[in-house]
């Protein structure tokens, strides 16, 4: 029973630690984002929600993937 609590604590600690790495990489991608692409999508007939999901989120997925891989690598180092 105590081992389950230790594993849960370890997972929570890794999530808290690695969230900063994902946040930083996505913030860098957000600072580099061009609002004109989203505005162009809305000019071509997509709704704001559609433009956000198809343009903005598509731009941020690679950064989130890099943050995920970085977090995974840092977590493997602690094994």
C-alpha atoms as a PDB file:
ATOM      1  CA  UNK A   1       0.000   0.000   0.000  1.00  0.00           C
ATOM      2  CA  UNK A   2       2.816   2.414   0.821  1.00  0.00           C
ATOM      3  CA  UNK A   3       4.477   1.606  -2.517  1.00  0.00           C
ATOM      4  CA  UNK A   4       1.402   2.871  -4.431  1.00  0.00           C
ATOM      5  CA  UNK A   5       1.552   6.147  -2.528  1.00  0.00           C
ATOM      6  CA  UNK A   6       5.250   6.504  -3.356  1.00  0.00           C
ATOM      7  CA  UNK A   7       4.604   5.931  -7.057  1.00  0.00           C
ATOM      8  CA  UNK A   8       1.746   8.438  -7.055  1.00  0.00           C
ATOM      9  CA  UNK A   9       3.972  11.001  -5.358  1.00  0.00           C
ATOM     10  CA  UNK A  10       6.703  10.356  -7.930  1.00  0.00           C
ATOM     11  CA  UNK A  11       4.284  10.845 -10.829  1.00  0.00           C
ATOM     12  CA  UNK A  12       2.911  14.074  -9.350  1.00  0.00           C
ATOM     13  CA  UNK A  13       6.433  15.381  -8.803  1.00  0.00           C
ATOM     14  CA  UNK A  14       7.465  14.591 -12.382  1.00  0.00           C
ATOM     15  CA  UNK A  15       4.345  16.230 -13.800  1.00  0.00           C
ATOM     16  CA  UNK A  16       4.934  19.345 -11.724  1.00  0.00           C
ATOM     17  CA  UNK A  17       8.612  19.461 -12.686  1.00  0.00           C
ATOM     18  CA  UNK A  18       8.108  18.813 -16.396  1.00  0.00           C
ATOM     19  CA  UNK A  19       5.164  21.168 -16.851  1.00  0.00           C
ATOM     20  CA  UNK A  20       7.620  24.064 -16.792  1.00  0.00           C
ATOM     21  CA  UNK A  21       9.540  22.652 -19.772  1.00  0.00           C
ATOM     22  CA  UNK A  22       6.398  22.201 -21.852  1.00  0.00           C
ATOM     23  CA  UNK A  23       5.136  25.664 -20.887  1.00  0.00           C
ATOM     24  CA  UNK A  24       8.389  27.337 -21.892  1.00  0.00           C
ATOM     25  CA  UNK A  25       8.546  25.633 -25.296  1.00  0.00           C
ATOM     26  CA  UNK A  26       4.916  26.451 -26.079  1.00  0.00           C
ATOM     27  CA  UNK A  27       5.404  30.068 -24.958  1.00  0.00           C
ATOM     28  CA  UNK A  28       8.310  30.412 -27.363  1.00  0.00           C
ATOM     29  CA  UNK A  29       6.146  29.077 -30.189  1.00  0.00           C
ATOM     30  CA  UNK A  30       3.320  31.437 -29.198  1.00  0.00           C
ATOM     31  CA  UNK A  31       5.650  34.429 -29.255  1.00  0.00           C
ATOM     32  CA  UNK A  32       6.789  33.420 -32.728  1.00  0.00           C
ATOM     33  CA  UNK A  33       3.232  32.890 -34.023  1.00  0.00           C
ATOM     34  CA  UNK A  34       1.881  35.134 -36.746  1.00  0.00           C
ATOM     35  CA  UNK A  35      -1.671  36.372 -36.090  1.00  0.00           C
ATOM     36  CA  UNK A  36      -2.097  37.117 -39.783  1.00  0.00           C
ATOM     37  CA  UNK A  37      -2.447  33.398 -40.555  1.00  0.00           C
ATOM     38  CA  UNK A  38      -5.416  33.102 -38.217  1.00  0.00           C
ATOM     39  CA  UNK A  39      -6.942  36.299 -39.597  1.00  0.00           C
ATOM     40  CA  UNK A  40      -6.464  35.007 -43.143  1.00  0.00           C
ATOM     41  CA  UNK A  41      -8.275  31.788 -42.248  1.00  0.00           C
ATOM     42  CA  UNK A  42     -11.205  33.818 -40.889  1.00  0.00           C
ATOM     43  CA  UNK A  43     -11.198  35.981 -44.030  1.00  0.00           C
ATOM     44  CA  UNK A  44     -11.475  32.809 -46.091  1.00  0.00           C
ATOM     45  CA  UNK A  45     -14.634  31.763 -44.263  1.00  0.00           C
ATOM     46  CA  UNK A  46     -13.696  29.758 -41.202  1.00  0.00           C
ATOM     47  CA  UNK A  47     -15.180  30.555 -37.832  1.00  0.00           C
ATOM     48  CA  UNK A  48     -12.950  31.869 -35.021  1.00  0.00           C
ATOM     49  CA  UNK A  49     -13.047  28.458 -33.317  1.00  0.00           C
ATOM     50  CA  UNK A  50     -12.169  26.707 -36.567  1.00  0.00           C
ATOM     51  CA  UNK A  51      -9.325  29.127 -37.283  1.00  0.00           C
ATOM     52  CA  UNK A  52      -8.014  28.657 -33.763  1.00  0.00           C
ATOM     53  CA  UNK A  53      -8.067  24.879 -33.948  1.00  0.00           C
ATOM     54  CA  UNK A  54      -6.731  24.530 -37.473  1.00  0.00           C
ATOM     55  CA  UNK A  55      -4.139  27.316 -37.526  1.00  0.00           C
ATOM     56  CA  UNK A  56      -3.105  28.245 -34.000  1.00  0.00           C
ATOM     57  CA  UNK A  57      -3.143  24.770 -32.490  1.00  0.00           C
ATOM     58  CA  UNK A  58      -1.442  23.347 -35.567  1.00  0.00           C
ATOM     59  CA  UNK A  59       1.333  25.867 -35.038  1.00  0.00           C
ATOM     60  CA  UNK A  60       1.740  24.923 -31.347  1.00  0.00           C
ATOM     61  CA  UNK A  61       1.669  21.107 -31.679  1.00  0.00           C
ATOM     62  CA  UNK A  62       5.351  20.743 -32.652  1.00  0.00           C
ATOM     63  CA  UNK A  63       6.413  22.826 -29.648  1.00  0.00           C
ATOM     64  CA  UNK A  64       4.215  20.744 -27.355  1.00  0.00           C
ATOM     65  CA  UNK A  65       5.732  17.581 -28.830  1.00  0.00           C
ATOM     66  CA  UNK A  66       9.242  18.890 -28.198  1.00  0.00           C
ATOM     67  CA  UNK A  67       8.283  19.705 -24.612  1.00  0.00           C
ATOM     68  CA  UNK A  68       6.820  16.221 -24.225  1.00  0.00           C
ATOM     69  CA  UNK A  69       9.983  14.568 -25.526  1.00  0.00           C
ATOM     70  CA  UNK A  70      12.155  16.770 -23.325  1.00  0.00           C
ATOM     71  CA  UNK A  71      10.045  15.897 -20.281  1.00  0.00           C
ATOM     72  CA  UNK A  72      10.152  12.201 -21.140  1.00  0.00           C
ATOM     73  CA  UNK A  73      13.938  12.316 -21.468  1.00  0.00           C
ATOM     74  CA  UNK A  74      14.300  14.122 -18.137  1.00  0.00           C
ATOM     75  CA  UNK A  75      12.009  11.558 -16.481  1.00  0.00           C
ATOM     76  CA  UNK A  76      14.047   8.662 -17.860  1.00  0.00           C
ATOM     77  CA  UNK A  77      17.153  10.177 -16.346  1.00  0.00           C
ATOM     78  CA  UNK A  78      15.662   9.699 -12.863  1.00  0.00           C
ATOM     79  CA  UNK A  79      14.992   5.974 -13.203  1.00  0.00           C
END
